N, C-alpha and C. Protein backbone atom coordinates (compact mmCIF):
# COMPACT_ATOMS: atom_id res chain seq x y z
N UNK A 1 -13.77 -59.33 -38.33
CA UNK A 1 -12.68 -58.65 -37.61
C UNK A 1 -13.00 -57.17 -37.44
N UNK A 2 -13.47 -56.56 -38.56
CA UNK A 2 -13.83 -55.13 -38.51
C UNK A 2 -14.97 -54.89 -37.55
N UNK A 3 -15.95 -55.80 -37.56
CA UNK A 3 -17.10 -55.65 -36.67
C UNK A 3 -16.68 -55.73 -35.21
N UNK A 4 -15.71 -56.64 -34.91
CA UNK A 4 -15.26 -56.78 -33.53
C UNK A 4 -14.56 -55.50 -33.03
N UNK A 5 -13.73 -54.87 -33.92
CA UNK A 5 -13.04 -53.64 -33.53
C UNK A 5 -14.03 -52.51 -33.29
N UNK A 6 -15.06 -52.43 -34.18
CA UNK A 6 -16.05 -51.37 -34.03
C UNK A 6 -16.84 -51.53 -32.74
N UNK A 7 -17.13 -52.75 -32.37
CA UNK A 7 -17.90 -52.99 -31.15
C UNK A 7 -17.10 -52.63 -29.90
N UNK A 8 -15.78 -52.81 -30.00
CA UNK A 8 -14.97 -52.53 -28.80
C UNK A 8 -14.56 -51.07 -28.68
N UNK A 9 -14.79 -50.26 -29.74
CA UNK A 9 -14.36 -48.86 -29.71
C UNK A 9 -14.97 -48.08 -28.55
N UNK A 10 -16.28 -48.18 -28.26
CA UNK A 10 -16.84 -47.45 -27.11
C UNK A 10 -16.16 -47.81 -25.79
N UNK A 11 -15.82 -49.10 -25.66
CA UNK A 11 -15.14 -49.52 -24.43
C UNK A 11 -13.77 -48.89 -24.31
N UNK A 12 -13.06 -48.82 -25.46
CA UNK A 12 -11.73 -48.21 -25.45
C UNK A 12 -11.83 -46.73 -25.09
N UNK A 13 -12.80 -46.03 -25.71
CA UNK A 13 -12.97 -44.60 -25.43
C UNK A 13 -13.33 -44.36 -23.97
N UNK A 14 -14.17 -45.21 -23.42
CA UNK A 14 -14.56 -45.06 -22.02
C UNK A 14 -13.37 -45.25 -21.10
N UNK A 15 -12.52 -46.22 -21.44
CA UNK A 15 -11.33 -46.47 -20.62
C UNK A 15 -10.38 -45.28 -20.67
N UNK A 16 -10.19 -44.70 -21.88
CA UNK A 16 -9.31 -43.55 -22.02
C UNK A 16 -9.84 -42.35 -21.23
N UNK A 17 -11.16 -42.15 -21.27
CA UNK A 17 -11.76 -41.04 -20.54
C UNK A 17 -11.57 -41.20 -19.04
N UNK A 18 -11.75 -42.42 -18.55
CA UNK A 18 -11.57 -42.68 -17.12
C UNK A 18 -10.14 -42.44 -16.70
N UNK A 19 -9.19 -42.83 -17.57
CA UNK A 19 -7.77 -42.62 -17.27
C UNK A 19 -7.45 -41.13 -17.19
N UNK A 20 -8.01 -40.34 -18.13
CA UNK A 20 -7.75 -38.90 -18.14
C UNK A 20 -8.33 -38.23 -16.90
N UNK A 21 -9.53 -38.65 -16.51
CA UNK A 21 -10.16 -38.04 -15.34
C UNK A 21 -9.42 -38.37 -14.05
N UNK A 22 -8.78 -39.52 -14.02
CA UNK A 22 -8.05 -39.90 -12.81
C UNK A 22 -6.87 -39.00 -12.56
N UNK A 23 -6.38 -38.28 -13.58
CA UNK A 23 -5.24 -37.38 -13.42
C UNK A 23 -5.62 -36.00 -12.95
N UNK A 24 -6.92 -35.72 -12.84
CA UNK A 24 -7.38 -34.39 -12.42
C UNK A 24 -7.77 -34.46 -10.95
N UNK A 25 -7.07 -33.78 -10.11
CA UNK A 25 -7.39 -33.78 -8.69
C UNK A 25 -8.24 -32.59 -8.33
N UNK A 26 -8.52 -32.47 -7.07
CA UNK A 26 -9.24 -31.31 -6.57
C UNK A 26 -8.32 -30.11 -6.54
N UNK A 27 -8.88 -28.90 -6.49
CA UNK A 27 -8.04 -27.71 -6.40
C UNK A 27 -7.07 -27.81 -5.23
N UNK A 28 -5.77 -27.64 -5.54
CA UNK A 28 -4.76 -27.72 -4.50
C UNK A 28 -4.11 -29.07 -4.38
N UNK A 29 -4.71 -30.14 -4.99
CA UNK A 29 -4.07 -31.45 -4.97
C UNK A 29 -2.82 -31.43 -5.82
N UNK A 30 -1.89 -32.34 -5.54
CA UNK A 30 -0.67 -32.41 -6.33
C UNK A 30 -0.95 -32.84 -7.75
N UNK A 31 -2.03 -33.60 -7.95
CA UNK A 31 -2.35 -34.07 -9.29
C UNK A 31 -3.01 -33.01 -10.14
N UNK A 32 -3.43 -31.89 -9.54
CA UNK A 32 -4.08 -30.83 -10.29
C UNK A 32 -3.05 -29.81 -10.73
N UNK A 33 -2.95 -29.61 -12.05
CA UNK A 33 -1.95 -28.68 -12.57
C UNK A 33 -2.56 -27.34 -12.94
N UNK A 34 -3.88 -27.24 -12.91
CA UNK A 34 -4.51 -26.01 -13.35
C UNK A 34 -5.22 -25.26 -12.24
N UNK A 35 -5.85 -25.95 -11.31
CA UNK A 35 -6.63 -25.28 -10.28
C UNK A 35 -5.72 -24.78 -9.17
N UNK A 36 -5.91 -23.57 -8.70
CA UNK A 36 -5.07 -23.04 -7.62
C UNK A 36 -5.38 -23.71 -6.30
N UNK A 37 -4.39 -23.74 -5.45
CA UNK A 37 -4.59 -24.30 -4.12
C UNK A 37 -5.48 -23.39 -3.30
N UNK A 38 -6.30 -23.98 -2.46
CA UNK A 38 -7.17 -23.19 -1.59
C UNK A 38 -6.63 -23.25 -0.17
N UNK A 39 -6.71 -22.14 0.51
CA UNK A 39 -6.22 -22.08 1.88
C UNK A 39 -7.20 -22.80 2.79
N UNK A 40 -6.73 -23.72 3.63
CA UNK A 40 -7.65 -24.46 4.50
C UNK A 40 -8.32 -23.57 5.53
N UNK A 41 -7.65 -22.51 5.94
CA UNK A 41 -8.22 -21.61 6.94
C UNK A 41 -7.98 -20.17 6.54
N UNK A 42 -8.95 -19.28 6.77
CA UNK A 42 -8.73 -17.87 6.44
C UNK A 42 -7.68 -17.27 7.34
N UNK A 43 -6.96 -16.29 6.81
CA UNK A 43 -5.95 -15.60 7.60
C UNK A 43 -6.49 -14.26 8.05
N UNK A 44 -6.02 -13.78 9.16
CA UNK A 44 -6.48 -12.51 9.72
C UNK A 44 -5.35 -11.50 9.69
N UNK A 45 -5.62 -10.31 9.16
CA UNK A 45 -4.60 -9.26 9.10
C UNK A 45 -4.29 -8.76 10.50
N UNK A 46 -3.07 -8.34 10.68
CA UNK A 46 -2.66 -7.81 11.98
C UNK A 46 -3.37 -6.50 12.26
N UNK A 47 -3.72 -6.27 13.50
CA UNK A 47 -4.37 -5.02 13.90
C UNK A 47 -3.31 -3.94 14.04
N UNK A 48 -3.66 -2.73 13.62
CA UNK A 48 -2.75 -1.62 13.83
C UNK A 48 -1.96 -1.25 12.61
N UNK A 49 -2.50 -1.47 11.40
CA UNK A 49 -1.82 -1.04 10.18
C UNK A 49 -0.69 -1.95 9.80
N UNK A 50 0.17 -1.46 8.91
CA UNK A 50 1.21 -2.29 8.35
C UNK A 50 2.24 -2.72 9.37
N UNK A 51 2.37 -2.04 10.47
CA UNK A 51 3.38 -2.38 11.46
C UNK A 51 2.91 -3.44 12.44
N UNK A 52 1.59 -3.64 12.54
CA UNK A 52 1.06 -4.58 13.50
C UNK A 52 1.07 -4.06 14.93
N UNK A 53 1.40 -2.78 15.13
CA UNK A 53 1.47 -2.21 16.48
C UNK A 53 0.06 -2.01 17.02
N UNK A 54 -0.04 -1.78 18.31
CA UNK A 54 -1.33 -1.51 18.92
C UNK A 54 -1.88 -0.20 18.37
N UNK A 55 -3.18 -0.14 18.07
CA UNK A 55 -3.74 1.10 17.51
C UNK A 55 -3.73 2.23 18.52
N UNK A 56 -3.71 3.44 18.00
CA UNK A 56 -3.75 4.61 18.87
C UNK A 56 -5.18 4.86 19.32
N UNK A 57 -5.36 5.80 20.24
CA UNK A 57 -6.69 6.05 20.79
C UNK A 57 -6.96 7.54 20.90
N UNK A 58 -8.17 7.94 20.51
CA UNK A 58 -8.61 9.31 20.74
C UNK A 58 -8.36 10.27 19.59
N UNK A 59 -9.14 11.35 19.59
CA UNK A 59 -9.08 12.33 18.51
C UNK A 59 -7.75 13.07 18.45
N UNK A 60 -7.20 13.42 19.60
CA UNK A 60 -5.93 14.16 19.61
C UNK A 60 -4.83 13.34 18.96
N UNK A 61 -4.78 12.06 19.26
CA UNK A 61 -3.76 11.19 18.67
C UNK A 61 -4.00 10.99 17.18
N UNK A 62 -5.25 10.84 16.79
CA UNK A 62 -5.56 10.67 15.37
C UNK A 62 -5.13 11.89 14.56
N UNK A 63 -5.41 13.07 15.10
CA UNK A 63 -5.03 14.30 14.40
C UNK A 63 -3.52 14.47 14.33
N UNK A 64 -2.84 14.15 15.43
CA UNK A 64 -1.39 14.28 15.45
C UNK A 64 -0.73 13.32 14.46
N UNK A 65 -1.22 12.08 14.42
CA UNK A 65 -0.66 11.10 13.50
C UNK A 65 -0.93 11.51 12.05
N UNK A 66 -2.11 12.03 11.78
CA UNK A 66 -2.42 12.49 10.43
C UNK A 66 -1.48 13.61 10.02
N UNK A 67 -1.21 14.53 10.94
CA UNK A 67 -0.28 15.62 10.65
C UNK A 67 1.09 15.07 10.28
N UNK A 68 1.53 14.04 10.96
CA UNK A 68 2.83 13.43 10.66
C UNK A 68 2.80 12.77 9.28
N UNK A 69 1.76 12.02 8.98
CA UNK A 69 1.66 11.33 7.70
C UNK A 69 1.70 12.31 6.53
N UNK A 70 0.91 13.38 6.65
CA UNK A 70 0.90 14.37 5.58
C UNK A 70 2.19 15.17 5.56
N UNK A 71 2.73 15.45 6.75
CA UNK A 71 3.99 16.18 6.82
C UNK A 71 5.14 15.42 6.19
N UNK A 72 5.15 14.09 6.35
CA UNK A 72 6.20 13.28 5.72
C UNK A 72 6.15 13.40 4.20
N UNK A 73 4.94 13.36 3.65
CA UNK A 73 4.78 13.48 2.20
C UNK A 73 5.24 14.85 1.71
N UNK A 74 4.91 15.89 2.46
CA UNK A 74 5.31 17.24 2.08
C UNK A 74 6.83 17.39 2.13
N UNK A 75 7.46 16.86 3.18
CA UNK A 75 8.92 16.98 3.31
C UNK A 75 9.64 16.29 2.15
N UNK A 76 9.16 15.11 1.76
CA UNK A 76 9.76 14.41 0.62
C UNK A 76 9.64 15.23 -0.66
N UNK A 77 8.49 15.85 -0.83
CA UNK A 77 8.25 16.62 -2.06
C UNK A 77 9.01 17.93 -2.06
N UNK A 78 9.14 18.55 -0.90
CA UNK A 78 9.95 19.77 -0.83
C UNK A 78 11.41 19.47 -1.13
N UNK A 79 11.90 18.35 -0.65
CA UNK A 79 13.27 17.96 -0.98
C UNK A 79 13.41 17.72 -2.48
N UNK A 80 12.41 17.07 -3.08
CA UNK A 80 12.45 16.81 -4.52
C UNK A 80 12.55 18.12 -5.30
N UNK A 81 11.77 19.10 -4.90
CA UNK A 81 11.82 20.39 -5.59
C UNK A 81 13.17 21.08 -5.40
N UNK A 82 13.78 20.87 -4.24
CA UNK A 82 15.10 21.46 -4.01
C UNK A 82 16.18 20.80 -4.86
N UNK A 83 15.88 19.58 -5.33
CA UNK A 83 16.82 18.87 -6.20
C UNK A 83 16.55 19.17 -7.67
N UNK A 84 15.67 20.10 -7.92
CA UNK A 84 15.36 20.54 -9.29
C UNK A 84 14.85 19.41 -10.18
N UNK A 85 13.94 18.60 -9.63
CA UNK A 85 13.29 17.60 -10.48
C UNK A 85 12.50 18.34 -11.55
N UNK A 86 12.22 17.67 -12.64
CA UNK A 86 11.61 18.36 -13.77
C UNK A 86 10.37 17.64 -14.29
N UNK A 87 9.68 18.30 -15.20
CA UNK A 87 8.54 17.71 -15.90
C UNK A 87 7.42 17.28 -14.98
N UNK A 88 6.85 16.10 -15.27
CA UNK A 88 5.70 15.61 -14.52
C UNK A 88 6.04 15.32 -13.06
N UNK A 89 7.30 14.99 -12.78
CA UNK A 89 7.71 14.73 -11.40
C UNK A 89 7.68 16.03 -10.59
N UNK A 90 8.16 17.11 -11.17
CA UNK A 90 8.11 18.40 -10.49
C UNK A 90 6.66 18.85 -10.29
N UNK A 91 5.82 18.64 -11.29
CA UNK A 91 4.41 18.99 -11.17
C UNK A 91 3.77 18.22 -10.01
N UNK A 92 4.11 16.94 -9.92
CA UNK A 92 3.56 16.11 -8.85
C UNK A 92 4.03 16.60 -7.48
N UNK A 93 5.31 16.92 -7.36
CA UNK A 93 5.85 17.38 -6.07
C UNK A 93 5.15 18.66 -5.62
N UNK A 94 4.94 19.59 -6.54
CA UNK A 94 4.23 20.83 -6.19
C UNK A 94 2.79 20.53 -5.80
N UNK A 95 2.18 19.59 -6.48
CA UNK A 95 0.80 19.20 -6.19
C UNK A 95 0.68 18.63 -4.78
N UNK A 96 1.66 17.83 -4.38
CA UNK A 96 1.65 17.23 -3.04
C UNK A 96 1.73 18.31 -1.97
N UNK A 97 2.65 19.25 -2.13
CA UNK A 97 2.81 20.33 -1.15
C UNK A 97 1.51 21.14 -1.02
N UNK A 98 0.90 21.43 -2.16
CA UNK A 98 -0.34 22.21 -2.14
C UNK A 98 -1.50 21.41 -1.54
N UNK A 99 -1.58 20.12 -1.89
CA UNK A 99 -2.70 19.29 -1.43
C UNK A 99 -2.72 19.15 0.09
N UNK A 100 -1.55 19.09 0.69
CA UNK A 100 -1.47 18.91 2.14
C UNK A 100 -1.22 20.23 2.88
N UNK A 101 -1.38 21.33 2.16
CA UNK A 101 -1.30 22.67 2.75
C UNK A 101 0.01 22.89 3.52
N UNK A 102 1.09 22.34 3.00
CA UNK A 102 2.38 22.54 3.63
C UNK A 102 2.51 21.95 5.02
N UNK A 103 1.79 20.86 5.29
CA UNK A 103 1.84 20.23 6.61
C UNK A 103 3.28 19.86 6.98
N UNK A 104 3.58 19.93 8.26
CA UNK A 104 4.93 19.60 8.74
C UNK A 104 4.82 18.65 9.92
N UNK A 105 5.56 17.55 9.85
CA UNK A 105 5.53 16.57 10.94
C UNK A 105 5.97 17.18 12.25
N UNK A 106 6.89 18.14 12.19
CA UNK A 106 7.40 18.77 13.41
C UNK A 106 6.32 19.55 14.16
N UNK A 107 5.26 19.94 13.44
CA UNK A 107 4.20 20.71 14.07
C UNK A 107 3.14 19.84 14.74
N UNK A 108 3.25 18.53 14.56
CA UNK A 108 2.25 17.63 15.13
C UNK A 108 2.39 17.57 16.64
N UNK A 109 1.26 17.47 17.32
CA UNK A 109 1.30 17.30 18.76
C UNK A 109 1.71 15.88 19.14
N UNK A 110 1.73 15.62 20.42
CA UNK A 110 2.12 14.29 20.90
C UNK A 110 0.94 13.34 21.00
N UNK A 111 -0.27 13.88 20.80
CA UNK A 111 -1.44 13.02 20.89
C UNK A 111 -1.85 12.76 22.32
N UNK A 112 -2.71 11.76 22.48
CA UNK A 112 -3.19 11.42 23.81
C UNK A 112 -2.18 10.61 24.61
N UNK A 113 -2.51 10.32 25.87
CA UNK A 113 -1.61 9.54 26.74
C UNK A 113 -1.26 8.19 26.12
N UNK A 114 0.01 7.86 26.12
CA UNK A 114 0.45 6.56 25.63
C UNK A 114 0.71 6.49 24.15
N UNK A 115 0.42 7.55 23.40
CA UNK A 115 0.57 7.50 21.95
C UNK A 115 1.75 8.30 21.43
N UNK A 116 2.43 9.03 22.29
CA UNK A 116 3.53 9.89 21.84
C UNK A 116 4.62 9.10 21.15
N UNK A 117 4.96 7.92 21.67
CA UNK A 117 6.02 7.12 21.07
C UNK A 117 5.64 6.63 19.68
N UNK A 118 4.38 6.27 19.50
CA UNK A 118 3.93 5.78 18.19
C UNK A 118 3.98 6.90 17.15
N UNK A 119 3.57 8.09 17.57
CA UNK A 119 3.59 9.23 16.66
C UNK A 119 5.02 9.62 16.33
N UNK A 120 5.88 9.60 17.35
CA UNK A 120 7.30 9.92 17.12
C UNK A 120 7.95 8.90 16.20
N UNK A 121 7.56 7.63 16.32
CA UNK A 121 8.13 6.59 15.46
C UNK A 121 7.75 6.81 14.01
N UNK A 122 6.52 7.26 13.77
CA UNK A 122 6.09 7.53 12.40
C UNK A 122 6.85 8.72 11.83
N UNK A 123 7.09 9.73 12.65
CA UNK A 123 7.88 10.88 12.20
C UNK A 123 9.31 10.47 11.89
N UNK A 124 9.87 9.59 12.72
CA UNK A 124 11.23 9.11 12.48
C UNK A 124 11.31 8.30 11.19
N UNK A 125 10.27 7.56 10.89
CA UNK A 125 10.23 6.81 9.64
C UNK A 125 10.29 7.76 8.45
N UNK A 126 9.57 8.87 8.55
CA UNK A 126 9.61 9.86 7.49
C UNK A 126 10.99 10.47 7.33
N UNK A 127 11.65 10.75 8.44
CA UNK A 127 13.01 11.31 8.37
C UNK A 127 13.99 10.33 7.75
N UNK A 128 13.80 9.05 8.05
CA UNK A 128 14.68 8.02 7.47
C UNK A 128 14.49 7.94 5.95
N UNK A 129 13.24 8.03 5.51
CA UNK A 129 12.98 8.04 4.06
C UNK A 129 13.63 9.25 3.40
N UNK A 130 13.54 10.38 4.07
CA UNK A 130 14.11 11.61 3.55
C UNK A 130 15.63 11.49 3.43
N UNK A 131 16.25 10.93 4.45
CA UNK A 131 17.70 10.76 4.46
C UNK A 131 18.15 9.80 3.36
N UNK A 132 17.44 8.69 3.21
CA UNK A 132 17.79 7.71 2.18
C UNK A 132 17.66 8.32 0.79
N UNK A 133 16.62 9.10 0.59
CA UNK A 133 16.39 9.71 -0.72
C UNK A 133 17.47 10.72 -1.05
N UNK A 134 17.96 11.41 -0.04
CA UNK A 134 18.97 12.44 -0.28
C UNK A 134 20.30 11.86 -0.76
N UNK A 135 20.49 10.56 -0.59
CA UNK A 135 21.74 9.92 -0.99
C UNK A 135 21.79 9.57 -2.47
N UNK A 136 20.68 9.72 -3.17
CA UNK A 136 20.67 9.39 -4.60
C UNK A 136 21.64 10.31 -5.34
N UNK A 137 22.52 9.76 -6.18
CA UNK A 137 23.64 10.54 -6.72
C UNK A 137 23.31 11.49 -7.86
N UNK A 138 22.34 11.15 -8.70
CA UNK A 138 22.08 12.01 -9.86
C UNK A 138 20.59 12.24 -10.02
N UNK A 139 20.25 13.17 -10.91
CA UNK A 139 18.86 13.60 -11.05
C UNK A 139 17.94 12.46 -11.50
N UNK A 140 18.40 11.66 -12.45
CA UNK A 140 17.57 10.57 -12.95
C UNK A 140 17.28 9.55 -11.87
N UNK A 141 18.32 9.12 -11.16
CA UNK A 141 18.14 8.15 -10.08
C UNK A 141 17.26 8.74 -8.98
N UNK A 142 17.44 10.03 -8.72
CA UNK A 142 16.66 10.67 -7.66
C UNK A 142 15.18 10.68 -8.01
N UNK A 143 14.83 11.03 -9.24
CA UNK A 143 13.42 11.10 -9.61
C UNK A 143 12.75 9.73 -9.52
N UNK A 144 13.46 8.68 -9.96
CA UNK A 144 12.91 7.33 -9.84
C UNK A 144 12.71 6.95 -8.38
N UNK A 145 13.71 7.26 -7.55
CA UNK A 145 13.63 6.92 -6.13
C UNK A 145 12.54 7.73 -5.43
N UNK A 146 12.41 9.00 -5.80
CA UNK A 146 11.38 9.84 -5.19
C UNK A 146 9.98 9.29 -5.46
N UNK A 147 9.70 8.92 -6.70
CA UNK A 147 8.38 8.41 -7.02
C UNK A 147 8.11 7.08 -6.31
N UNK A 148 9.12 6.21 -6.25
CA UNK A 148 8.94 4.94 -5.55
C UNK A 148 8.70 5.17 -4.06
N UNK A 149 9.40 6.14 -3.49
CA UNK A 149 9.23 6.45 -2.07
C UNK A 149 7.86 7.03 -1.79
N UNK A 150 7.35 7.86 -2.69
CA UNK A 150 6.02 8.43 -2.50
C UNK A 150 4.94 7.36 -2.56
N UNK A 151 5.11 6.37 -3.42
CA UNK A 151 4.15 5.27 -3.46
C UNK A 151 4.14 4.53 -2.12
N UNK A 152 5.32 4.25 -1.59
CA UNK A 152 5.39 3.56 -0.29
C UNK A 152 4.83 4.43 0.84
N UNK A 153 5.18 5.71 0.83
CA UNK A 153 4.74 6.61 1.89
C UNK A 153 3.22 6.75 1.90
N UNK A 154 2.63 6.93 0.74
CA UNK A 154 1.18 7.08 0.67
C UNK A 154 0.46 5.77 0.97
N UNK A 155 1.02 4.64 0.53
CA UNK A 155 0.41 3.34 0.84
C UNK A 155 0.41 3.11 2.35
N UNK A 156 1.51 3.45 2.99
CA UNK A 156 1.62 3.35 4.44
C UNK A 156 0.60 4.26 5.12
N UNK A 157 0.47 5.48 4.61
CA UNK A 157 -0.47 6.44 5.20
C UNK A 157 -1.90 5.92 5.14
N UNK A 158 -2.30 5.37 4.01
CA UNK A 158 -3.66 4.84 3.89
C UNK A 158 -3.88 3.68 4.86
N UNK A 159 -2.88 2.82 5.00
CA UNK A 159 -3.00 1.69 5.93
C UNK A 159 -3.18 2.17 7.36
N UNK A 160 -2.42 3.18 7.75
CA UNK A 160 -2.51 3.71 9.11
C UNK A 160 -3.86 4.40 9.34
N UNK A 161 -4.30 5.18 8.36
CA UNK A 161 -5.59 5.86 8.49
C UNK A 161 -6.71 4.84 8.68
N UNK A 162 -6.74 3.82 7.83
CA UNK A 162 -7.83 2.84 7.87
C UNK A 162 -7.79 1.98 9.14
N UNK A 163 -6.59 1.54 9.53
CA UNK A 163 -6.48 0.60 10.64
C UNK A 163 -6.43 1.26 12.01
N UNK A 164 -5.96 2.50 12.07
CA UNK A 164 -5.74 3.13 13.38
C UNK A 164 -6.52 4.43 13.60
N UNK A 165 -6.43 5.33 12.62
CA UNK A 165 -6.97 6.67 12.87
C UNK A 165 -8.49 6.71 12.83
N UNK A 166 -9.08 6.09 11.81
CA UNK A 166 -10.54 6.10 11.72
C UNK A 166 -11.17 5.42 12.94
N UNK A 167 -10.69 4.25 13.37
CA UNK A 167 -11.27 3.65 14.58
C UNK A 167 -11.04 4.49 15.84
N UNK A 168 -9.95 5.26 15.87
CA UNK A 168 -9.64 6.06 17.06
C UNK A 168 -10.51 7.30 17.17
N UNK A 169 -10.97 7.82 16.05
CA UNK A 169 -11.72 9.08 16.05
C UNK A 169 -13.08 8.93 16.73
N UNK A 170 -13.41 9.88 17.57
CA UNK A 170 -14.69 9.89 18.28
C UNK A 170 -15.60 11.02 17.81
N UNK A 171 -15.02 12.17 17.54
CA UNK A 171 -15.81 13.33 17.14
C UNK A 171 -16.08 13.31 15.63
N UNK A 172 -17.26 13.78 15.27
CA UNK A 172 -17.63 13.79 13.85
C UNK A 172 -16.69 14.67 13.03
N UNK A 173 -16.25 15.78 13.61
CA UNK A 173 -15.34 16.67 12.89
C UNK A 173 -14.03 15.97 12.57
N UNK A 174 -13.54 15.18 13.51
CA UNK A 174 -12.30 14.43 13.27
C UNK A 174 -12.50 13.37 12.20
N UNK A 175 -13.63 12.69 12.25
CA UNK A 175 -13.92 11.67 11.24
C UNK A 175 -13.98 12.28 9.85
N UNK A 176 -14.61 13.46 9.74
CA UNK A 176 -14.68 14.13 8.43
C UNK A 176 -13.28 14.53 7.96
N UNK A 177 -12.48 15.03 8.89
CA UNK A 177 -11.11 15.44 8.54
C UNK A 177 -10.31 14.24 8.02
N UNK A 178 -10.48 13.11 8.66
CA UNK A 178 -9.76 11.91 8.24
C UNK A 178 -10.22 11.43 6.87
N UNK A 179 -11.52 11.47 6.64
CA UNK A 179 -12.04 11.03 5.34
C UNK A 179 -11.57 11.95 4.22
N UNK A 180 -11.54 13.25 4.49
CA UNK A 180 -11.04 14.19 3.49
C UNK A 180 -9.56 13.95 3.20
N UNK A 181 -8.80 13.72 4.27
CA UNK A 181 -7.37 13.44 4.09
C UNK A 181 -7.17 12.14 3.33
N UNK A 182 -7.98 11.14 3.64
CA UNK A 182 -7.85 9.86 2.94
C UNK A 182 -8.10 10.03 1.45
N UNK A 183 -9.09 10.83 1.10
CA UNK A 183 -9.37 11.08 -0.32
C UNK A 183 -8.20 11.77 -1.00
N UNK A 184 -7.62 12.75 -0.32
CA UNK A 184 -6.45 13.45 -0.88
C UNK A 184 -5.30 12.48 -1.12
N UNK A 185 -5.05 11.65 -0.13
CA UNK A 185 -3.92 10.73 -0.21
C UNK A 185 -4.15 9.66 -1.27
N UNK A 186 -5.36 9.11 -1.33
CA UNK A 186 -5.66 8.08 -2.32
C UNK A 186 -5.52 8.62 -3.74
N UNK A 187 -5.95 9.85 -3.94
CA UNK A 187 -5.83 10.47 -5.26
C UNK A 187 -4.37 10.67 -5.64
N UNK A 188 -3.57 11.16 -4.69
CA UNK A 188 -2.14 11.35 -4.97
C UNK A 188 -1.43 10.01 -5.16
N UNK A 189 -1.84 8.99 -4.42
CA UNK A 189 -1.22 7.67 -4.56
C UNK A 189 -1.45 7.11 -5.96
N UNK A 190 -2.65 7.26 -6.47
CA UNK A 190 -2.94 6.77 -7.82
C UNK A 190 -2.04 7.47 -8.85
N UNK A 191 -1.87 8.76 -8.68
CA UNK A 191 -1.00 9.50 -9.60
C UNK A 191 0.46 9.10 -9.42
N UNK A 192 0.87 8.89 -8.18
CA UNK A 192 2.26 8.47 -7.91
C UNK A 192 2.55 7.11 -8.54
N UNK A 193 1.61 6.20 -8.45
CA UNK A 193 1.80 4.88 -9.04
C UNK A 193 1.97 4.96 -10.55
N UNK A 194 1.19 5.83 -11.18
CA UNK A 194 1.31 6.00 -12.63
C UNK A 194 2.67 6.59 -13.00
N UNK A 195 3.11 7.57 -12.24
CA UNK A 195 4.41 8.20 -12.53
C UNK A 195 5.57 7.26 -12.21
N UNK A 196 5.42 6.45 -11.17
CA UNK A 196 6.49 5.53 -10.78
C UNK A 196 6.70 4.42 -11.80
N UNK A 197 5.68 4.15 -12.61
CA UNK A 197 5.81 3.09 -13.62
C UNK A 197 6.69 3.52 -14.79
N UNK A 198 6.95 4.82 -14.90
CA UNK A 198 7.85 5.33 -15.95
C UNK A 198 9.27 5.37 -15.41
N UNK A 199 10.23 5.50 -16.32
CA UNK A 199 11.63 5.63 -15.92
C UNK A 199 12.13 7.00 -16.34
N UNK A 200 12.94 7.62 -15.49
CA UNK A 200 13.38 8.99 -15.74
C UNK A 200 14.89 9.05 -15.91
């Protein structure tokens, strides 16, 4: 009897192994509980930055849009300083104003033909952020909202620079200006993300 059980043990183990393997599907199958699903087809990002709008064209438009992007960040930070933010948040706000040399969206040109509306829309977006931020009732809520807004503003700026402004630039001087601005913005964004993770 013992010999018969021992002889059948490999068969039992093989059957159990086959049963276990039958429960493992390919990645994305319903029977697979561990492997992530794979997308059957790659997806393509929309052209024209986060808005999906048609990209702008030419150096004049690229420079005007950059002025608006940096001007929006400066306006938010100037408002923050007027609200007497303190500590690391105040240091960051002053750093933003200095980094962008006090840029103002109102000073931006209209850009090349056909791009004035796009540039104006970006400036209006900045004004809307400014207005929403001004509604925060107390200093603590304001500082949290300011840092969250700066993360969004800078993330938007990088998306627009990469998707629209760099491809639009034709002159080497404009390309250098955009790359320098991108470095400034990316550095401030990293700092904004770190500050936004804290609560004030």
